[in-house]
Amino acid sequence: MLEIFLKTLPFFALIGLGWGAGRVRFFPDAATEYLTRFVFYFALSAMLFRFAANLSLAEIFDARFAAAYLAGCFVVYLTATIVARLRKVPATEAAVEAQCAVIGNTGFLGVPLLTVLLGPAAAGPILMVLAIDLIVFSSLITLIITGAREGHLSPRILKVLFVGLIKNPMIVSMAAGLTLSAAGLALPAPVEEFTAILGAAATPCALFAIGASLASKTAERLSVALWLSFSKLVLHPTAVAVAALLVFDVEPFAAGVMIAAAALPVAGNVYILARNYGVAPQRVSASILISTMFSIVTVSLVVGWITGA
């Protein structure tokens, strides 16, 4: 377990470095925003494209894997929604809280961290988790919030969802890589080298950007934030583990990657959605801050458990 913790420590140290730079304003909000754009549109997209181009669709998509992950997610999603509604919060806020409970920082933290801790073979399952998060749950929160506000769902919403997906560079890069792989085409050596160099920037830049973005977040509404952090770091991986290992009998290694991905802290894009819709951004901010702090321990424990370390 100590060995796993020591392996994860440099990743979280990079987050801490970014937090420190943001806290003393050496790295202001504008700088963090542009660094995040670089990671999102260029470095991480190059990494995902290269991973997908070197994998077959069969190595990424598995029906039982998808069913297990979705089942575990929806158990926690519904639990968080019910708890929120029992507190008499509006449906829009309940949707945002449920999003906090199931959407982890798979892109910026999970992809670089888990491929190092669990090996290159973890790339396929991680990309599957990322695709489900982006396609299913990003669409779901849009449908719920828009439907609650307008009182109905119109065909316009489907257009918004479709445009949002095709404009997401992570979706586009994975789809492009898989298309190349399905066509049986290998990346030309210069392209392989280019995406490898650019993709290598994703890990340090993404982790630094996570830390810098946390510097501007505050821990308000602590009781709710603690509950959502507990849901994300404990309930979510537990539910996914039960679904993967006991219900759907997912292959052990893939199940382990799925559980580790479920143990990641609340994703920053949940805050972007909350701020965009004007729904409980401070609550989400606090959940990201608290879950990221505690994930230093919980991610190490989960990875140690699934690897037997």
C-alpha atoms as a PDB file:
ATOM      1  CA  MET A   1       0.000   0.000   0.000  1.00  0.00           C
ATOM      2  CA  LEU A   2       2.858   2.383   0.825  1.00  0.00           C
ATOM      3  CA  GLU A   3       4.360   1.705  -2.603  1.00  0.00           C
ATOM      4  CA  ILE A   4       1.093   2.673  -4.307  1.00  0.00           C
ATOM      5  CA  PHE A   5       0.791   5.804  -2.179  1.00  0.00           C
ATOM      6  CA  LEU A   6       4.348   6.824  -3.086  1.00  0.00           C
ATOM      7  CA  LYS A   7       3.534   6.325  -6.779  1.00  0.00           C
ATOM      8  CA  THR A   8       0.445   8.518  -6.547  1.00  0.00           C
ATOM      9  CA  LEU A   9       2.193  11.172  -4.481  1.00  0.00           C
ATOM     10  CA  PRO A  10       4.000  12.897  -7.408  1.00  0.00           C
ATOM     11  CA  PHE A  11       0.688  13.282  -9.248  1.00  0.00           C
ATOM     12  CA  PHE A  12      -0.961  14.958  -6.279  1.00  0.00           C
ATOM     13  CA  ALA A  13       2.221  16.959  -5.640  1.00  0.00           C
ATOM     14  CA  LEU A  14       1.756  18.478  -9.101  1.00  0.00           C
ATOM     15  CA  ILE A  15      -1.810  19.372  -8.141  1.00  0.00           C
ATOM     16  CA  GLY A  16      -0.462  20.918  -4.938  1.00  0.00           C
ATOM     17  CA  LEU A  17       2.126  22.896  -6.907  1.00  0.00           C
ATOM     18  CA  GLY A  18      -0.606  24.278  -9.153  1.00  0.00           C
ATOM     19  CA  TRP A  19      -2.718  25.128  -6.115  1.00  0.00           C
ATOM     20  CA  GLY A  20       0.180  27.014  -4.540  1.00  0.00           C
ATOM     21  CA  ALA A  21       0.875  28.950  -7.739  1.00  0.00           C
ATOM     22  CA  GLY A  22      -2.780  29.896  -7.997  1.00  0.00           C
ATOM     23  CA  ARG A  23      -3.107  30.724  -4.323  1.00  0.00           C
ATOM     24  CA  VAL A  24      -0.286  33.298  -4.355  1.00  0.00           C
ATOM     25  CA  ARG A  25      -1.620  34.642  -7.691  1.00  0.00           C
ATOM     26  CA  PHE A  26       1.602  33.765  -9.513  1.00  0.00           C
ATOM     27  CA  PHE A  27      -0.728  31.815 -11.765  1.00  0.00           C
ATOM     28  CA  PRO A  28      -3.909  33.931 -12.025  1.00  0.00           C
ATOM     29  CA  ASP A  29      -7.343  32.724 -13.154  1.00  0.00           C
ATOM     30  CA  ALA A  30      -6.727  33.825 -16.746  1.00  0.00           C
ATOM     31  CA  ALA A  31      -3.523  31.778 -16.935  1.00  0.00           C
ATOM     32  CA  THR A  32      -5.331  28.738 -15.510  1.00  0.00           C
ATOM     33  CA  GLU A  33      -8.091  29.112 -18.082  1.00  0.00           C
ATOM     34  CA  TYR A  34      -5.658  29.166 -20.989  1.00  0.00           C
ATOM     35  CA  LEU A  35      -3.602  26.283 -19.629  1.00  0.00           C
ATOM     36  CA  THR A  36      -6.826  24.289 -19.266  1.00  0.00           C
ATOM     37  CA  ARG A  37      -7.726  25.092 -22.873  1.00  0.00           C
ATOM     38  CA  PHE A  38      -4.306  23.883 -24.023  1.00  0.00           C
ATOM     39  CA  VAL A  39      -4.764  20.592 -22.183  1.00  0.00           C
ATOM     40  CA  PHE A  40      -8.392  20.137 -23.243  1.00  0.00           C
ATOM     41  CA  TYR A  41      -8.053  20.973 -26.936  1.00  0.00           C
ATOM     42  CA  PHE A  42      -4.472  19.908 -27.650  1.00  0.00           C
ATOM     43  CA  ALA A  43      -2.436  17.837 -25.175  1.00  0.00           C
ATOM     44  CA  LEU A  44      -5.140  15.572 -23.738  1.00  0.00           C
ATOM     45  CA  SER A  45      -6.823  15.235 -27.117  1.00  0.00           C
ATOM     46  CA  ALA A  46      -3.512  14.109 -28.632  1.00  0.00           C
ATOM     47  CA  MET A  47      -3.068  11.561 -25.844  1.00  0.00           C
ATOM     48  CA  LEU A  48      -6.585  10.187 -26.290  1.00  0.00           C
ATOM     49  CA  PHE A  49      -6.248  10.079 -30.083  1.00  0.00           C
ATOM     50  CA  ARG A  50      -2.993   8.148 -29.831  1.00  0.00           C
ATOM     51  CA  PHE A  51      -4.435   5.700 -27.286  1.00  0.00           C
ATOM     52  CA  ALA A  52      -7.549   5.095 -29.417  1.00  0.00           C
ATOM     53  CA  ALA A  53      -5.600   4.772 -32.677  1.00  0.00           C
ATOM     54  CA  ASN A  54      -3.500   2.003 -31.146  1.00  0.00           C
ATOM     55  CA  LEU A  55      -6.479   0.092 -29.747  1.00  0.00           C
ATOM     56  CA  SER A  56      -9.236  -1.871 -31.431  1.00  0.00           C
ATOM     57  CA  LEU A  57     -12.897  -1.187 -30.697  1.00  0.00           C
ATOM     58  CA  ALA A  58     -13.059  -4.584 -28.972  1.00  0.00           C
ATOM     59  CA  GLU A  59     -10.326  -3.470 -26.552  1.00  0.00           C
ATOM     60  CA  ILE A  60     -12.403  -0.441 -25.569  1.00  0.00           C
ATOM     61  CA  PHE A  61     -16.046  -1.461 -25.829  1.00  0.00           C
ATOM     62  CA  ASP A  62     -17.452  -4.375 -23.855  1.00  0.00           C
ATOM     63  CA  ALA A  63     -21.200  -4.642 -23.290  1.00  0.00           C
ATOM     64  CA  ARG A  64     -20.907  -6.154 -19.803  1.00  0.00           C
ATOM     65  CA  PHE A  65     -18.363  -3.525 -18.808  1.00  0.00           C
ATOM     66  CA  ALA A  66     -20.656  -0.728 -19.986  1.00  0.00           C
ATOM     67  CA  ALA A  67     -23.690  -2.282 -18.284  1.00  0.00           C
ATOM     68  CA  ALA A  68     -21.824  -2.730 -14.993  1.00  0.00           C
ATOM     69  CA  TYR A  69     -20.498   0.820 -14.966  1.00  0.00           C
ATOM     70  CA  LEU A  70     -23.872   2.306 -15.870  1.00  0.00           C
ATOM     71  CA  ALA A  71     -25.649   0.189 -13.254  1.00  0.00           C
ATOM     72  CA  GLY A  72     -23.264   1.268 -10.496  1.00  0.00           C
ATOM     73  CA  CYS A  73     -23.476   4.899 -11.588  1.00  0.00           C
ATOM     74  CA  PHE A  74     -27.263   4.984 -11.695  1.00  0.00           C
ATOM     75  CA  VAL A  75     -27.576   3.471  -8.211  1.00  0.00           C
ATOM     76  CA  VAL A  76     -25.475   6.317  -6.805  1.00  0.00           C
ATOM     77  CA  TYR A  77     -27.062   8.889  -9.143  1.00  0.00           C
ATOM     78  CA  LEU A  78     -30.541   7.977  -7.919  1.00  0.00           C
ATOM     79  CA  THR A  79     -29.373   7.888  -4.296  1.00  0.00           C
ATOM     80  CA  ALA A  80     -27.917  11.395  -4.551  1.00  0.00           C
ATOM     81  CA  THR A  81     -31.060  12.616  -6.311  1.00  0.00           C
ATOM     82  CA  ILE A  82     -33.358  11.164  -3.650  1.00  0.00           C
ATOM     83  CA  VAL A  83     -31.285  12.627  -0.815  1.00  0.00           C
ATOM     84  CA  ALA A  84     -31.352  16.029  -2.524  1.00  0.00           C
ATOM     85  CA  ARG A  85     -35.122  15.914  -3.066  1.00  0.00           C
ATOM     86  CA  LEU A  86     -35.673  14.899   0.566  1.00  0.00           C
ATOM     87  CA  ARG A  87     -33.864  18.132   1.465  1.00  0.00           C
ATOM     88  CA  LYS A  88     -36.471  19.941  -0.679  1.00  0.00           C
ATOM     89  CA  VAL A  89     -33.956  21.242  -3.222  1.00  0.00           C
ATOM     90  CA  PRO A  90     -35.194  21.911  -6.792  1.00  0.00           C
ATOM     91  CA  ALA A  91     -34.824  19.271  -9.486  1.00  0.00           C
ATOM     92  CA  THR A  92     -32.089  21.310 -11.199  1.00  0.00           C
ATOM     93  CA  GLU A  93     -29.942  21.372  -8.059  1.00  0.00           C
ATOM     94  CA  ALA A  94     -30.627  17.685  -7.435  1.00  0.00           C
ATOM     95  CA  ALA A  95     -29.340  16.925 -10.950  1.00  0.00           C
ATOM     96  CA  VAL A  96     -26.127  18.854 -10.295  1.00  0.00           C
ATOM     97  CA  GLU A  97     -25.591  17.066  -6.961  1.00  0.00           C
ATOM     98  CA  ALA A  98     -26.166  13.687  -8.643  1.00  0.00           C
ATOM     99  CA  GLN A  99     -23.607  14.662 -11.282  1.00  0.00           C
ATOM    100  CA  CYS A 100     -21.078  15.380  -8.524  1.00  0.00           C
ATOM    101  CA  ALA A 101     -21.714  11.919  -7.064  1.00  0.00           C
ATOM    102  CA  VAL A 102     -20.858   9.986 -10.242  1.00  0.00           C
ATOM    103  CA  ILE A 103     -18.643  12.065 -12.554  1.00  0.00           C
ATOM    104  CA  GLY A 104     -14.963  11.753 -11.710  1.00  0.00           C
ATOM    105  CA  ASN A 105     -11.973  13.626 -13.085  1.00  0.00           C
ATOM    106  CA  THR A 106     -11.293  10.848 -15.589  1.00  0.00           C
ATOM    107  CA  GLY A 107      -9.871  12.997 -18.372  1.00  0.00           C
ATOM    108  CA  PHE A 108      -7.456  15.285 -16.570  1.00  0.00           C
ATOM    109  CA  LEU A 109      -6.506  12.973 -13.665  1.00  0.00           C
ATOM    110  CA  GLY A 110      -7.675   9.432 -14.413  1.00  0.00           C
ATOM    111  CA  VAL A 111      -6.100   8.904 -17.834  1.00  0.00           C
ATOM    112  CA  PRO A 112      -2.538   9.928 -16.854  1.00  0.00           C
ATOM    113  CA  LEU A 113      -2.693   8.540 -13.304  1.00  0.00           C
ATOM    114  CA  LEU A 114      -4.234   5.135 -13.952  1.00  0.00           C
ATOM    115  CA  THR A 115      -2.233   4.331 -17.077  1.00  0.00           C
ATOM    116  CA  VAL A 116       0.904   4.788 -14.953  1.00  0.00           C
ATOM    117  CA  LEU A 117      -0.349   2.920 -11.866  1.00  0.00           C
ATOM    118  CA  LEU A 118      -2.125   0.080 -13.719  1.00  0.00           C
ATOM    119  CA  GLY A 119      -0.155  -0.042 -16.957  1.00  0.00           C
ATOM    120  CA  PRO A 120      -0.898   0.757 -20.628  1.00  0.00           C
ATOM    121  CA  ALA A 121      -3.535  -2.012 -20.740  1.00  0.00           C
ATOM    122  CA  ALA A 122      -5.724   0.231 -18.574  1.00  0.00           C
ATOM    123  CA  ALA A 123      -6.145   2.712 -21.444  1.00  0.00           C
ATOM    124  CA  GLY A 124      -9.040   0.851 -23.103  1.00  0.00           C
ATOM    125  CA  PRO A 125     -11.261   0.583 -20.001  1.00  0.00           C
ATOM    126  CA  ILE A 126     -10.460   4.178 -19.005  1.00  0.00           C
ATOM    127  CA  LEU A 127     -11.501   5.450 -22.442  1.00  0.00           C
ATOM    128  CA  MET A 128     -14.758   3.490 -22.085  1.00  0.00           C
ATOM    129  CA  VAL A 129     -15.488   5.121 -18.712  1.00  0.00           C
ATOM    130  CA  LEU A 130     -14.643   8.541 -20.130  1.00  0.00           C
ATOM    131  CA  ALA A 131     -16.911   8.032 -23.141  1.00  0.00           C
ATOM    132  CA  ILE A 132     -19.850   6.965 -20.954  1.00  0.00           C
ATOM    133  CA  ASP A 133     -19.360   9.949 -18.656  1.00  0.00           C
ATOM    134  CA  LEU A 134     -19.201  12.386 -21.563  1.00  0.00           C
ATOM    135  CA  ILE A 135     -21.994  10.947 -23.689  1.00  0.00           C
ATOM    136  CA  VAL A 136     -24.511   9.605 -21.163  1.00  0.00           C
ATOM    137  CA  PHE A 137     -24.239  11.805 -18.104  1.00  0.00           C
ATOM    138  CA  SER A 138     -23.378  15.110 -19.773  1.00  0.00           C
ATOM    139  CA  SER A 139     -26.468  14.585 -21.923  1.00  0.00           C
ATOM    140  CA  LEU A 140     -28.581  13.540 -18.937  1.00  0.00           C
ATOM    141  CA  ILE A 141     -27.915  16.669 -16.875  1.00  0.00           C
ATOM    142  CA  THR A 142     -28.682  18.867 -19.892  1.00  0.00           C
ATOM    143  CA  LEU A 143     -31.996  17.068 -20.424  1.00  0.00           C
ATOM    144  CA  ILE A 144     -32.990  17.292 -16.757  1.00  0.00           C
ATOM    145  CA  ILE A 145     -32.118  20.966 -16.263  1.00  0.00           C
ATOM    146  CA  THR A 146     -33.590  22.092 -19.565  1.00  0.00           C
ATOM    147  CA  GLY A 147     -36.719  19.991 -19.085  1.00  0.00           C
ATOM    148  CA  ALA A 148     -37.219  21.289 -15.534  1.00  0.00           C
ATOM    149  CA  ARG A 149     -36.869  24.899 -16.634  1.00  0.00           C
ATOM    150  CA  GLU A 150     -38.954  24.723 -19.797  1.00  0.00           C
ATOM    151  CA  GLY A 151     -41.493  22.187 -18.564  1.00  0.00           C
ATOM    152  CA  HIS A 152     -40.984  19.977 -21.607  1.00  0.00           C
ATOM    153  CA  LEU A 153     -38.322  18.532 -23.910  1.00  0.00           C
ATOM    154  CA  SER A 154     -38.224  19.814 -27.467  1.00  0.00           C
ATOM    155  CA  PRO A 155     -36.365  18.590 -30.574  1.00  0.00           C
ATOM    156  CA  ARG A 156     -34.117  21.623 -30.140  1.00  0.00           C
ATOM    157  CA  ILE A 157     -32.587  19.954 -27.089  1.00  0.00           C
ATOM    158  CA  LEU A 158     -31.475  16.981 -29.174  1.00  0.00           C
ATOM    159  CA  LYS A 159     -29.716  19.370 -31.539  1.00  0.00           C
ATOM    160  CA  VAL A 160     -27.988  21.055 -28.588  1.00  0.00           C
ATOM    161  CA  LEU A 161     -26.841  17.661 -27.260  1.00  0.00           C
ATOM    162  CA  PHE A 162     -25.549  16.547 -30.673  1.00  0.00           C
ATOM    163  CA  VAL A 163     -23.667  19.786 -31.307  1.00  0.00           C
ATOM    164  CA  GLY A 164     -22.196  19.641 -27.799  1.00  0.00           C
ATOM    165  CA  LEU A 165     -20.883  16.120 -28.383  1.00  0.00           C
ATOM    166  CA  ILE A 166     -19.329  16.769 -31.779  1.00  0.00           C
ATOM    167  CA  LYS A 167     -17.659  19.931 -30.450  1.00  0.00           C
ATOM    168  CA  ASN A 168     -16.101  18.113 -27.495  1.00  0.00           C
ATOM    169  CA  PRO A 169     -12.446  17.509 -28.410  1.00  0.00           C
ATOM    170  CA  MET A 170     -12.169  14.416 -26.196  1.00  0.00           C
ATOM    171  CA  ILE A 171     -15.083  12.745 -27.999  1.00  0.00           C
ATOM    172  CA  VAL A 172     -13.760  13.819 -31.397  1.00  0.00           C
ATOM    173  CA  SER A 173     -10.200  12.649 -30.696  1.00  0.00           C
ATOM    174  CA  MET A 174     -11.327   9.230 -29.435  1.00  0.00           C
ATOM    175  CA  ALA A 175     -13.690   8.789 -32.400  1.00  0.00           C
ATOM    176  CA  ALA A 176     -10.975   9.793 -34.870  1.00  0.00           C
ATOM    177  CA  GLY A 177      -8.484   7.391 -33.310  1.00  0.00           C
ATOM    178  CA  LEU A 178     -10.950   4.503 -33.323  1.00  0.00           C
ATOM    179  CA  THR A 179     -11.890   5.226 -36.939  1.00  0.00           C
ATOM    180  CA  LEU A 180      -8.251   5.006 -37.925  1.00  0.00           C
ATOM    181  CA  SER A 181      -7.835   1.790 -35.955  1.00  0.00           C
ATOM    182  CA  ALA A 182     -10.993   0.239 -37.451  1.00  0.00           C
ATOM    183  CA  ALA A 183      -9.707   1.011 -40.935  1.00  0.00           C
ATOM    184  CA  GLY A 184      -6.565  -0.983 -40.119  1.00  0.00           C
ATOM    185  CA  LEU A 185      -4.336   2.040 -40.579  1.00  0.00           C
ATOM    186  CA  ALA A 186      -1.309   2.627 -38.396  1.00  0.00           C
ATOM    187  CA  LEU A 187      -0.223   6.105 -37.454  1.00  0.00           C
ATOM    188  CA  PRO A 188       2.623   7.307 -39.689  1.00  0.00           C
ATOM    189  CA  ALA A 189       5.861   7.605 -37.724  1.00  0.00           C
ATOM    190  CA  PRO A 190       5.902  11.444 -37.721  1.00  0.00           C
ATOM    191  CA  VAL A 191       2.265  11.557 -36.540  1.00  0.00           C
ATOM    192  CA  GLU A 192       2.954   8.962 -33.866  1.00  0.00           C
ATOM    193  CA  GLU A 193       5.924  10.988 -32.640  1.00  0.00           C
ATOM    194  CA  PHE A 194       3.994  14.268 -32.792  1.00  0.00           C
ATOM    195  CA  THR A 195       1.038  12.942 -30.782  1.00  0.00           C
ATOM    196  CA  ALA A 196       3.411  11.274 -28.310  1.00  0.00           C
ATOM    197  CA  ILE A 197       5.277  14.544 -27.666  1.00  0.00           C
ATOM    198  CA  LEU A 198       2.098  16.640 -27.446  1.00  0.00           C
ATOM    199  CA  GLY A 199       0.290  14.003 -25.382  1.00  0.00           C
ATOM    200  CA  ALA A 200       3.187  13.843 -22.919  1.00  0.00           C
ATOM    201  CA  ALA A 201       2.396  17.447 -21.973  1.00  0.00           C
ATOM    202  CA  ALA A 202      -1.100  16.430 -20.869  1.00  0.00           C
ATOM    203  CA  THR A 203      -0.099  14.850 -17.559  1.00  0.00           C
ATOM    204  CA  PRO A 204       1.908  17.670 -15.909  1.00  0.00           C
ATOM    205  CA  CYS A 205      -0.180  20.452 -17.443  1.00  0.00           C
ATOM    206  CA  ALA A 206      -3.517  18.848 -16.555  1.00  0.00           C
ATOM    207  CA  LEU A 207      -2.499  18.181 -12.954  1.00  0.00           C
ATOM    208  CA  PHE A 208      -1.064  21.684 -12.543  1.00  0.00           C
ATOM    209  CA  ALA A 209      -4.264  23.151 -14.030  1.00  0.00           C
ATOM    210  CA  ILE A 210      -6.407  21.119 -11.615  1.00  0.00           C
ATOM    211  CA  GLY A 211      -4.456  22.546  -8.680  1.00  0.00           C
ATOM    212  CA  ALA A 212      -4.506  26.106  -9.979  1.00  0.00           C
ATOM    213  CA  SER A 213      -8.273  25.919 -10.519  1.00  0.00           C
ATOM    214  CA  LEU A 214      -8.765  24.635  -6.959  1.00  0.00           C
ATOM    215  CA  ALA A 215      -7.032  27.741  -5.595  1.00  0.00           C
ATOM    216  CA  SER A 216     -10.056  29.858  -6.474  1.00  0.00           C
ATOM    217  CA  LYS A 217     -12.597  27.415  -5.055  1.00  0.00           C
ATOM    218  CA  THR A 218     -14.147  27.786  -1.609  1.00  0.00           C
ATOM    219  CA  ALA A 219     -15.482  25.190   0.821  1.00  0.00           C
ATOM    220  CA  GLU A 220     -18.982  26.550   1.391  1.00  0.00           C
ATOM    221  CA  ARG A 221     -22.011  24.400   2.275  1.00  0.00           C
ATOM    222  CA  LEU A 222     -19.651  21.941   3.949  1.00  0.00           C
ATOM    223  CA  SER A 223     -22.266  19.417   5.051  1.00  0.00           C
ATOM    224  CA  VAL A 224     -23.561  18.938   1.514  1.00  0.00           C
ATOM    225  CA  ALA A 225     -20.073  19.006   0.012  1.00  0.00           C
ATOM    226  CA  LEU A 226     -18.897  16.347   2.457  1.00  0.00           C
ATOM    227  CA  TRP A 227     -21.887  14.163   1.566  1.00  0.00           C
ATOM    228  CA  LEU A 228     -21.229  14.542  -2.167  1.00  0.00           C
ATOM    229  CA  SER A 229     -17.512  13.838  -1.683  1.00  0.00           C
ATOM    230  CA  PHE A 230     -18.383  10.705   0.306  1.00  0.00           C
ATOM    231  CA  SER A 231     -20.770   9.646  -2.459  1.00  0.00           C
ATOM    232  CA  LYS A 232     -18.092  10.121  -5.106  1.00  0.00           C
ATOM    233  CA  LEU A 233     -15.110   8.622  -3.282  1.00  0.00           C
ATOM    234  CA  VAL A 234     -16.832   5.801  -1.383  1.00  0.00           C
ATOM    235  CA  LEU A 235     -20.355   5.040  -2.609  1.00  0.00           C
ATOM    236  CA  HIS A 236     -19.546   5.303  -6.311  1.00  0.00           C
ATOM    237  CA  PRO A 237     -16.595   2.858  -6.406  1.00  0.00           C
ATOM    238  CA  THR A 238     -18.452   0.531  -4.024  1.00  0.00           C
ATOM    239  CA  ALA A 239     -21.544   0.416  -6.234  1.00  0.00           C
ATOM    240  CA  VAL A 240     -19.435  -0.047  -9.362  1.00  0.00           C
ATOM    241  CA  ALA A 241     -17.446  -2.829  -7.682  1.00  0.00           C
ATOM    242  CA  VAL A 242     -20.626  -4.699  -6.709  1.00  0.00           C
ATOM    243  CA  ALA A 243     -22.040  -4.344 -10.224  1.00  0.00           C
ATOM    244  CA  ALA A 244     -18.816  -5.344 -11.974  1.00  0.00           C
ATOM    245  CA  LEU A 245     -17.694  -8.222  -9.743  1.00  0.00           C
ATOM    246  CA  LEU A 246     -20.929  -9.687  -8.370  1.00  0.00           C
ATOM    247  CA  VAL A 247     -23.627  -8.888 -10.926  1.00  0.00           C
ATOM    248  CA  PHE A 248     -22.101  -8.637 -14.408  1.00  0.00           C
ATOM    249  CA  ASP A 249     -18.923 -10.698 -13.862  1.00  0.00           C
ATOM    250  CA  VAL A 250     -16.640  -8.284 -15.709  1.00  0.00           C
ATOM    251  CA  GLU A 251     -13.113  -9.490 -16.479  1.00  0.00           C
ATOM    252  CA  PRO A 252     -11.077  -8.806 -13.288  1.00  0.00           C
ATOM    253  CA  PHE A 253      -8.498  -6.389 -14.690  1.00  0.00           C
ATOM    254  CA  ALA A 254     -11.072  -4.311 -16.556  1.00  0.00           C
ATOM    255  CA  ALA A 255     -13.274  -4.331 -13.453  1.00  0.00           C
ATOM    256  CA  GLY A 256     -10.341  -3.058 -11.390  1.00  0.00           C
ATOM    257  CA  VAL A 257      -9.724  -0.188 -13.801  1.00  0.00           C
ATOM    258  CA  MET A 258     -13.419   0.678 -13.702  1.00  0.00           C
ATOM    259  CA  ILE A 259     -13.468   0.708  -9.895  1.00  0.00           C
ATOM    260  CA  ALA A 260     -10.322   2.860  -9.767  1.00  0.00           C
ATOM    261  CA  ALA A 261     -11.862   5.313 -12.242  1.00  0.00           C
ATOM    262  CA  ALA A 262     -15.009   5.464 -10.098  1.00  0.00           C
ATOM    263  CA  ALA A 263     -12.848   6.385  -7.093  1.00  0.00           C
ATOM    264  CA  LEU A 264     -11.578   9.595  -8.715  1.00  0.00           C
ATOM    265  CA  PRO A 265     -12.622  12.971  -7.255  1.00  0.00           C
ATOM    266  CA  VAL A 266     -15.413  15.140  -8.652  1.00  0.00           C
ATOM    267  CA  ALA A 267     -14.609  16.415 -12.148  1.00  0.00           C
ATOM    268  CA  GLY A 268     -13.990  20.059 -12.911  1.00  0.00           C
ATOM    269  CA  ASN A 269     -16.412  19.967 -15.842  1.00  0.00           C
ATOM    270  CA  VAL A 270     -19.280  19.552 -13.358  1.00  0.00           C
ATOM    271  CA  TYR A 271     -18.413  23.019 -12.068  1.00  0.00           C
ATOM    272  CA  ILE A 272     -18.366  24.364 -15.629  1.00  0.00           C
ATOM    273  CA  LEU A 273     -21.861  22.961 -16.205  1.00  0.00           C
ATOM    274  CA  ALA A 274     -23.121  24.282 -12.867  1.00  0.00           C
ATOM    275  CA  ARG A 275     -21.737  27.742 -13.584  1.00  0.00           C
ATOM    276  CA  ASN A 276     -23.087  27.672 -17.142  1.00  0.00           C
ATOM    277  CA  TYR A 277     -26.614  26.852 -15.940  1.00  0.00           C
ATOM    278  CA  GLY A 278     -26.351  29.016 -12.806  1.00  0.00           C
ATOM    279  CA  VAL A 279     -27.149  26.056 -10.545  1.00  0.00           C
ATOM    280  CA  ALA A 280     -25.274  25.614  -7.223  1.00  0.00           C
ATOM    281  CA  PRO A 281     -21.742  26.416  -8.466  1.00  0.00           C
ATOM    282  CA  GLN A 282     -20.431  27.029  -4.909  1.00  0.00           C
ATOM    283  CA  ARG A 283     -21.700  23.620  -3.793  1.00  0.00           C
ATOM    284  CA  VAL A 284     -19.932  21.963  -6.705  1.00  0.00           C
ATOM    285  CA  SER A 285     -16.794  24.006  -6.092  1.00  0.00           C
ATOM    286  CA  ALA A 286     -16.631  22.826  -2.486  1.00  0.00           C
ATOM    287  CA  SER A 287     -17.240  19.208  -3.536  1.00  0.00           C
ATOM    288  CA  ILE A 288     -14.367  19.333  -6.037  1.00  0.00           C
ATOM    289  CA  LEU A 289     -12.027  20.853  -3.456  1.00  0.00           C
ATOM    290  CA  ILE A 290     -12.885  18.389  -0.662  1.00  0.00           C
ATOM    291  CA  SER A 291     -13.037  15.261  -2.826  1.00  0.00           C
ATOM    292  CA  THR A 292      -9.684  16.093  -4.449  1.00  0.00           C
ATOM    293  CA  MET A 293      -8.052  16.539  -1.031  1.00  0.00           C
ATOM    294  CA  PHE A 294      -9.366  13.211   0.296  1.00  0.00           C
ATOM    295  CA  SER A 295      -8.691  11.353  -2.970  1.00  0.00           C
ATOM    296  CA  ILE A 296      -4.967  11.427  -2.176  1.00  0.00           C
ATOM    297  CA  VAL A 297      -5.766   8.685   0.329  1.00  0.00           C
ATOM    298  CA  THR A 298      -8.819   7.011  -1.186  1.00  0.00           C
ATOM    299  CA  VAL A 299      -7.403   6.545  -4.696  1.00  0.00           C
ATOM    300  CA  SER A 300      -4.266   4.956  -3.205  1.00  0.00           C
ATOM    301  CA  LEU A 301      -6.417   2.621  -1.078  1.00  0.00           C
ATOM    302  CA  VAL A 302      -8.587   1.565  -4.017  1.00  0.00           C
ATOM    303  CA  VAL A 303      -5.634   1.015  -6.380  1.00  0.00           C
ATOM    304  CA  GLY A 304      -3.817  -0.883  -3.632  1.00  0.00           C
ATOM    305  CA  TRP A 305      -6.879  -3.076  -3.097  1.00  0.00           C
ATOM    306  CA  ILE A 306      -7.442  -3.925  -6.754  1.00  0.00           C
ATOM    307  CA  THR A 307      -3.748  -4.631  -7.383  1.00  0.00           C
ATOM    308  CA  GLY A 308      -3.246  -6.542  -4.144  1.00  0.00           C
ATOM    309  CA  ALA A 309      -0.408  -4.223  -3.141  1.00  0.00           C
END
